[in-house]
């Protein structure tokens, strides 16, 4: 048997035994993007959690299989291309994954769904518990304010963020659009400049701010005649994302396969 095959066999055996052990056995977690801001925060959170242990780290140039060989769950906040490479290795080794990466296109999302038929994946644009509660509030608000209110989404992030609008802002738009019986791709407006004409009442507008060290601010405005309702979430630290990621990893620990969201982790589905 090859070294890789041997490692796979050992891992699957250990994983099977883990399901029979008590809950005191630590959950073995690997972290991708270990040298980045979020990666370092995740490593600190794993090391501080009494029920988790750091089983490996991945970074640019790392040996994926070596980094995943002893892990039950990978937590990945990197870039779409890197995440997809990591998921291919996870599928080969039987490792579950928590995906916090954003900016996937439709084809890449389909590739993730294909992996989920073989391993358990939890994918969310934002791991914050508070943000996912906001998603539920937005669904309620959109249904109640379906007529006579214009909807605008404003998000702000640090200067290093490479995708816009943020994955969280897009998810907010998707939640609102679905509650109104619309498809976001048909009603989203991502840019306004010059003489744009009167606002289409069925549209959902997005505005993006990038600067400084803003961790993440999101506001959804329901603008009516004589009143405006704003639902806002502001992140002061990435700690909330790390703790939400650990909750997601624990949720996946006994799942054989499937694609889940934070709404499943939090019991909001």
Protein backbone atom coordinates (compact mmCIF):
# COMPACT_ATOMS: atom_id res chain seq x y z
CA UNK A 1 0.00 0.00 0.00
CA UNK A 2 1.26 3.50 -0.82
CA UNK A 3 2.16 5.94 1.93
CA UNK A 4 -0.89 7.99 0.98
CA UNK A 5 -3.13 4.94 1.01
CA UNK A 6 -1.73 3.95 4.38
CA UNK A 7 -2.37 7.45 5.73
CA UNK A 8 -5.90 7.35 4.39
CA UNK A 9 -6.56 4.02 6.02
CA UNK A 10 -5.18 5.19 9.35
CA UNK A 11 -7.25 8.36 9.20
CA UNK A 12 -10.49 6.60 8.40
CA UNK A 13 -9.89 4.06 11.10
CA UNK A 14 -9.19 6.81 13.61
CA UNK A 15 -12.25 8.72 12.42
CA UNK A 16 -14.45 5.65 12.88
CA UNK A 17 -13.06 5.05 16.34
CA UNK A 18 -13.67 8.72 17.14
CA UNK A 19 -17.40 8.26 16.63
CA UNK A 20 -17.34 5.57 19.30
CA UNK A 21 -15.34 7.59 21.81
CA UNK A 22 -16.82 9.92 24.37
CA UNK A 23 -17.29 13.62 23.68
CA UNK A 24 -14.15 14.29 25.70
CA UNK A 25 -12.00 13.17 22.75
CA UNK A 26 -10.77 16.42 21.15
CA UNK A 27 -11.94 17.28 17.65
CA UNK A 28 -8.93 17.30 15.34
CA UNK A 29 -8.97 20.50 13.29
CA UNK A 30 -6.67 21.71 10.50
CA UNK A 31 -6.49 25.38 9.52
CA UNK A 32 -5.87 26.71 6.01
CA UNK A 33 -4.21 30.06 5.39
CA UNK A 34 -2.36 29.65 8.66
CA UNK A 35 -0.13 32.72 8.25
CA UNK A 36 -2.98 35.11 7.43
CA UNK A 37 -4.94 37.27 9.84
CA UNK A 38 -7.92 34.94 9.98
CA UNK A 39 -5.72 31.85 10.00
CA UNK A 40 -3.83 33.06 13.06
CA UNK A 41 -7.08 33.87 14.82
CA UNK A 42 -8.44 30.39 14.05
CA UNK A 43 -5.29 28.72 15.38
CA UNK A 44 -5.59 30.70 18.62
CA UNK A 45 -9.26 29.74 18.94
CA UNK A 46 -8.55 26.03 18.34
CA UNK A 47 -5.70 26.02 20.85
CA UNK A 48 -7.92 27.75 23.43
CA UNK A 49 -10.85 25.34 23.00
CA UNK A 50 -10.69 22.43 25.47
CA UNK A 51 -12.62 20.13 23.12
CA UNK A 52 -10.47 20.81 20.04
CA UNK A 53 -6.86 20.21 19.01
CA UNK A 54 -4.81 21.62 16.15
CA UNK A 55 -4.11 18.67 13.84
CA UNK A 56 -2.36 20.53 11.04
CA UNK A 57 -1.94 23.79 9.14
CA UNK A 58 -1.96 24.67 5.46
CA UNK A 59 -0.31 27.62 3.78
CA UNK A 60 1.20 28.53 0.42
CA UNK A 61 3.52 25.75 -0.67
CA UNK A 62 2.43 23.37 2.06
CA UNK A 63 1.97 19.64 1.49
CA UNK A 64 -1.83 19.38 1.55
CA UNK A 65 -1.99 15.71 2.38
CA UNK A 66 0.55 16.01 5.18
CA UNK A 67 -1.36 18.94 6.65
CA UNK A 68 -4.67 17.05 6.50
CA UNK A 69 -3.44 13.54 7.38
CA UNK A 70 -4.55 13.65 11.02
CA UNK A 71 -7.49 16.06 10.75
CA UNK A 72 -11.20 15.39 11.02
CA UNK A 73 -12.24 18.89 9.90
CA UNK A 74 -10.51 21.63 7.87
CA UNK A 75 -11.41 25.28 8.42
CA UNK A 76 -10.68 27.31 5.30
CA UNK A 77 -10.77 31.11 4.93
CA UNK A 78 -8.54 31.55 1.88
CA UNK A 79 -9.22 32.25 -1.82
CA UNK A 80 -11.61 30.34 -4.11
CA UNK A 81 -8.89 28.58 -6.13
CA UNK A 82 -7.00 27.55 -3.01
CA UNK A 83 -10.14 26.35 -1.25
CA UNK A 84 -11.11 24.17 -4.21
CA UNK A 85 -7.66 22.55 -4.21
CA UNK A 86 -7.99 21.93 -0.48
CA UNK A 87 -11.45 20.39 -0.92
CA UNK A 88 -10.16 17.96 -3.54
CA UNK A 89 -7.61 16.73 -1.00
CA UNK A 90 -10.26 16.65 1.75
CA UNK A 91 -12.48 14.49 -0.42
CA UNK A 92 -9.61 12.11 -1.13
CA UNK A 93 -8.77 11.79 2.58
CA UNK A 94 -12.31 11.86 3.97
CA UNK A 95 -11.85 15.16 5.83
CA UNK A 96 -14.85 17.40 6.45
CA UNK A 97 -14.53 21.15 5.81
CA UNK A 98 -15.84 24.47 7.08
CA UNK A 99 -15.68 26.99 4.21
CA UNK A 100 -15.49 30.67 5.10
CA UNK A 101 -13.96 31.69 1.76
CA UNK A 102 -16.05 34.07 -0.36
CA UNK A 103 -16.02 35.15 -4.00
CA UNK A 104 -16.92 31.81 -5.62
CA UNK A 105 -18.51 31.92 -9.07
CA UNK A 106 -21.40 29.69 -10.13
CA UNK A 107 -19.14 26.98 -11.59
CA UNK A 108 -17.03 26.88 -8.42
CA UNK A 109 -20.14 26.61 -6.25
CA UNK A 110 -21.26 23.66 -8.37
CA UNK A 111 -17.85 22.03 -7.80
CA UNK A 112 -18.29 22.47 -4.05
CA UNK A 113 -21.75 20.89 -4.22
CA UNK A 114 -20.22 17.92 -6.06
CA UNK A 115 -17.66 17.44 -3.27
CA UNK A 116 -20.48 17.59 -0.71
CA UNK A 117 -21.93 14.37 -2.10
CA UNK A 118 -18.87 12.62 -0.69
CA UNK A 119 -17.85 14.63 2.41
CA UNK A 120 -19.67 16.92 4.84
CA UNK A 121 -19.17 20.63 4.13
CA UNK A 122 -20.43 23.73 5.91
CA UNK A 123 -20.27 26.82 3.73
CA UNK A 124 -21.30 30.33 4.80
CA UNK A 125 -20.31 33.84 3.73
CA UNK A 126 -20.10 34.83 7.39
CA UNK A 127 -19.51 32.59 10.41
CA UNK A 128 -20.66 35.15 12.97
CA UNK A 129 -23.60 33.95 15.02
CA UNK A 130 -24.97 37.50 15.09
CA UNK A 131 -24.85 37.88 11.32
CA UNK A 132 -26.76 34.66 10.82
CA UNK A 133 -29.43 35.84 13.24
CA UNK A 134 -29.59 39.03 11.14
CA UNK A 135 -30.31 36.89 8.08
CA UNK A 136 -33.44 35.61 9.84
CA UNK A 137 -34.45 39.15 10.82
CA UNK A 138 -34.03 40.27 7.21
CA UNK A 139 -36.32 37.52 5.99
CA UNK A 140 -38.99 38.65 8.45
CA UNK A 141 -38.55 42.33 7.61
CA UNK A 142 -38.63 41.81 3.85
CA UNK A 143 -41.89 39.88 4.06
CA UNK A 144 -43.50 42.54 6.24
CA UNK A 145 -42.16 45.46 4.17
CA UNK A 146 -42.76 43.97 0.74
CA UNK A 147 -44.65 47.00 -0.60
CA UNK A 148 -43.60 50.65 -0.57
CA UNK A 149 -40.02 50.21 0.66
CA UNK A 150 -36.80 50.57 -1.34
CA UNK A 151 -34.01 48.22 -0.24
CA UNK A 152 -30.36 49.25 -0.13
CA UNK A 153 -27.40 47.30 1.30
CA UNK A 154 -24.24 49.08 2.45
CA UNK A 155 -21.10 47.20 3.51
CA UNK A 156 -17.65 48.31 4.68
CA UNK A 157 -14.44 46.28 5.07
CA UNK A 158 -10.70 46.72 5.48
CA UNK A 159 -8.45 47.82 2.64
CA UNK A 160 -7.12 44.30 2.06
CA UNK A 161 -10.43 42.67 1.10
CA UNK A 162 -10.29 41.60 -2.55
CA UNK A 163 -13.94 40.87 -3.43
CA UNK A 164 -16.89 43.26 -3.56
CA UNK A 165 -19.64 43.33 -2.56
CA UNK A 166 -18.79 41.13 0.39
CA UNK A 167 -20.13 37.60 0.51
CA UNK A 168 -22.19 38.61 3.54
CA UNK A 169 -23.77 41.53 1.68
CA UNK A 170 -24.63 39.26 -1.24
CA UNK A 171 -26.16 36.72 1.13
CA UNK A 172 -28.24 39.48 2.69
CA UNK A 173 -29.44 40.42 -0.77
CA UNK A 174 -30.26 36.81 -1.56
CA UNK A 175 -32.25 36.44 1.67
CA UNK A 176 -34.25 39.60 1.00
CA UNK A 177 -34.83 38.77 -2.67
CA UNK A 178 -36.02 35.25 -1.84
CA UNK A 179 -38.43 36.59 0.78
CA UNK A 180 -39.87 38.89 -1.89
CA UNK A 181 -40.10 36.13 -4.49
CA UNK A 182 -37.31 37.56 -6.62
CA UNK A 183 -33.97 36.34 -7.92
CA UNK A 184 -31.10 38.59 -6.83
CA UNK A 185 -29.29 38.30 -10.14
CA UNK A 186 -32.30 39.90 -11.83
CA UNK A 187 -32.80 42.82 -9.44
CA UNK A 188 -29.36 43.67 -7.98
CA UNK A 189 -27.80 47.05 -8.79
CA UNK A 190 -24.08 47.13 -7.96
CA UNK A 191 -23.05 50.54 -9.32
CA UNK A 192 -24.57 53.96 -9.91
CA UNK A 193 -22.88 56.79 -11.73
CA UNK A 194 -24.03 59.74 -13.82
CA UNK A 195 -27.66 60.17 -14.84
CA UNK A 196 -29.10 56.85 -13.71
CA UNK A 197 -32.77 57.70 -13.99
CA UNK A 198 -35.39 57.07 -11.36
CA UNK A 199 -34.83 54.12 -9.07
CA UNK A 200 -36.51 50.86 -10.10
CA UNK A 201 -38.69 49.98 -7.07
CA UNK A 202 -38.03 46.27 -7.57
CA UNK A 203 -34.25 46.67 -7.39
CA UNK A 204 -31.92 45.92 -4.47
CA UNK A 205 -28.99 48.31 -4.38
CA UNK A 206 -25.48 47.67 -3.08
CA UNK A 207 -22.82 50.12 -1.94
CA UNK A 208 -19.26 49.16 -0.98
CA UNK A 209 -16.71 50.90 1.24
CA UNK A 210 -13.08 49.77 1.56
CA UNK A 211 -10.62 51.34 3.97
CA UNK A 212 -8.42 51.06 7.03
CA UNK A 213 -8.84 48.07 9.30
CA UNK A 214 -12.66 47.81 9.30
CA UNK A 215 -13.42 44.20 10.21
CA UNK A 216 -16.89 44.20 8.69
CA UNK A 217 -19.99 46.45 8.82
CA UNK A 218 -23.27 45.66 7.09
CA UNK A 219 -26.51 47.64 6.99
CA UNK A 220 -29.70 46.82 5.12
CA UNK A 221 -32.04 49.81 4.72
CA UNK A 222 -35.76 49.53 4.03
CA UNK A 223 -36.56 53.06 2.89
CA UNK A 224 -40.24 53.97 2.89
CA UNK A 225 -42.20 57.21 2.78
CA UNK A 226 -41.84 58.93 6.11
CA UNK A 227 -39.72 56.23 7.74
CA UNK A 228 -36.60 54.14 7.29
CA UNK A 229 -35.84 50.81 8.96
CA UNK A 230 -32.18 49.82 9.24
CA UNK A 231 -30.86 46.43 10.30
CA UNK A 232 -27.15 46.66 11.07
CA UNK A 233 -24.40 44.32 12.16
CA UNK A 234 -20.89 45.53 13.04
CA UNK A 235 -17.94 43.27 13.74
CA UNK A 236 -15.27 44.64 16.06
CA UNK A 237 -13.10 41.52 16.00
CA UNK A 238 -12.55 38.41 13.91
CA UNK A 239 -13.02 36.41 17.11
CA UNK A 240 -16.72 36.06 16.30
CA UNK A 241 -15.85 34.40 12.97
CA UNK A 242 -13.42 32.03 14.66
CA UNK A 243 -15.87 30.98 17.35
CA UNK A 244 -18.62 30.47 14.79
CA UNK A 245 -16.23 28.35 12.72
CA UNK A 246 -15.56 26.10 15.72
CA UNK A 247 -19.30 25.67 16.23
CA UNK A 248 -19.57 24.67 12.58
CA UNK A 249 -16.68 22.20 12.91
CA UNK A 250 -18.36 20.57 15.90
CA UNK A 251 -21.61 20.37 13.94
CA UNK A 252 -19.89 18.54 11.07
CA UNK A 253 -18.08 16.05 13.31
CA UNK A 254 -20.74 13.33 12.95
CA UNK A 255 -22.00 14.18 9.45
CA UNK A 256 -20.97 11.75 6.68
CA UNK A 257 -21.67 14.11 3.77
CA UNK A 258 -23.86 17.01 2.64
CA UNK A 259 -23.69 20.76 2.15
CA UNK A 260 -24.81 22.77 5.17
CA UNK A 261 -25.08 26.44 6.12
CA UNK A 262 -24.78 28.30 9.42
CA UNK A 263 -28.56 28.21 9.67
CA UNK A 264 -28.25 24.45 10.17
CA UNK A 265 -25.47 24.85 12.72
CA UNK A 266 -27.56 27.32 14.74
CA UNK A 267 -30.87 25.51 14.35
CA UNK A 268 -32.39 28.36 12.34
CA UNK A 269 -33.18 26.36 9.20
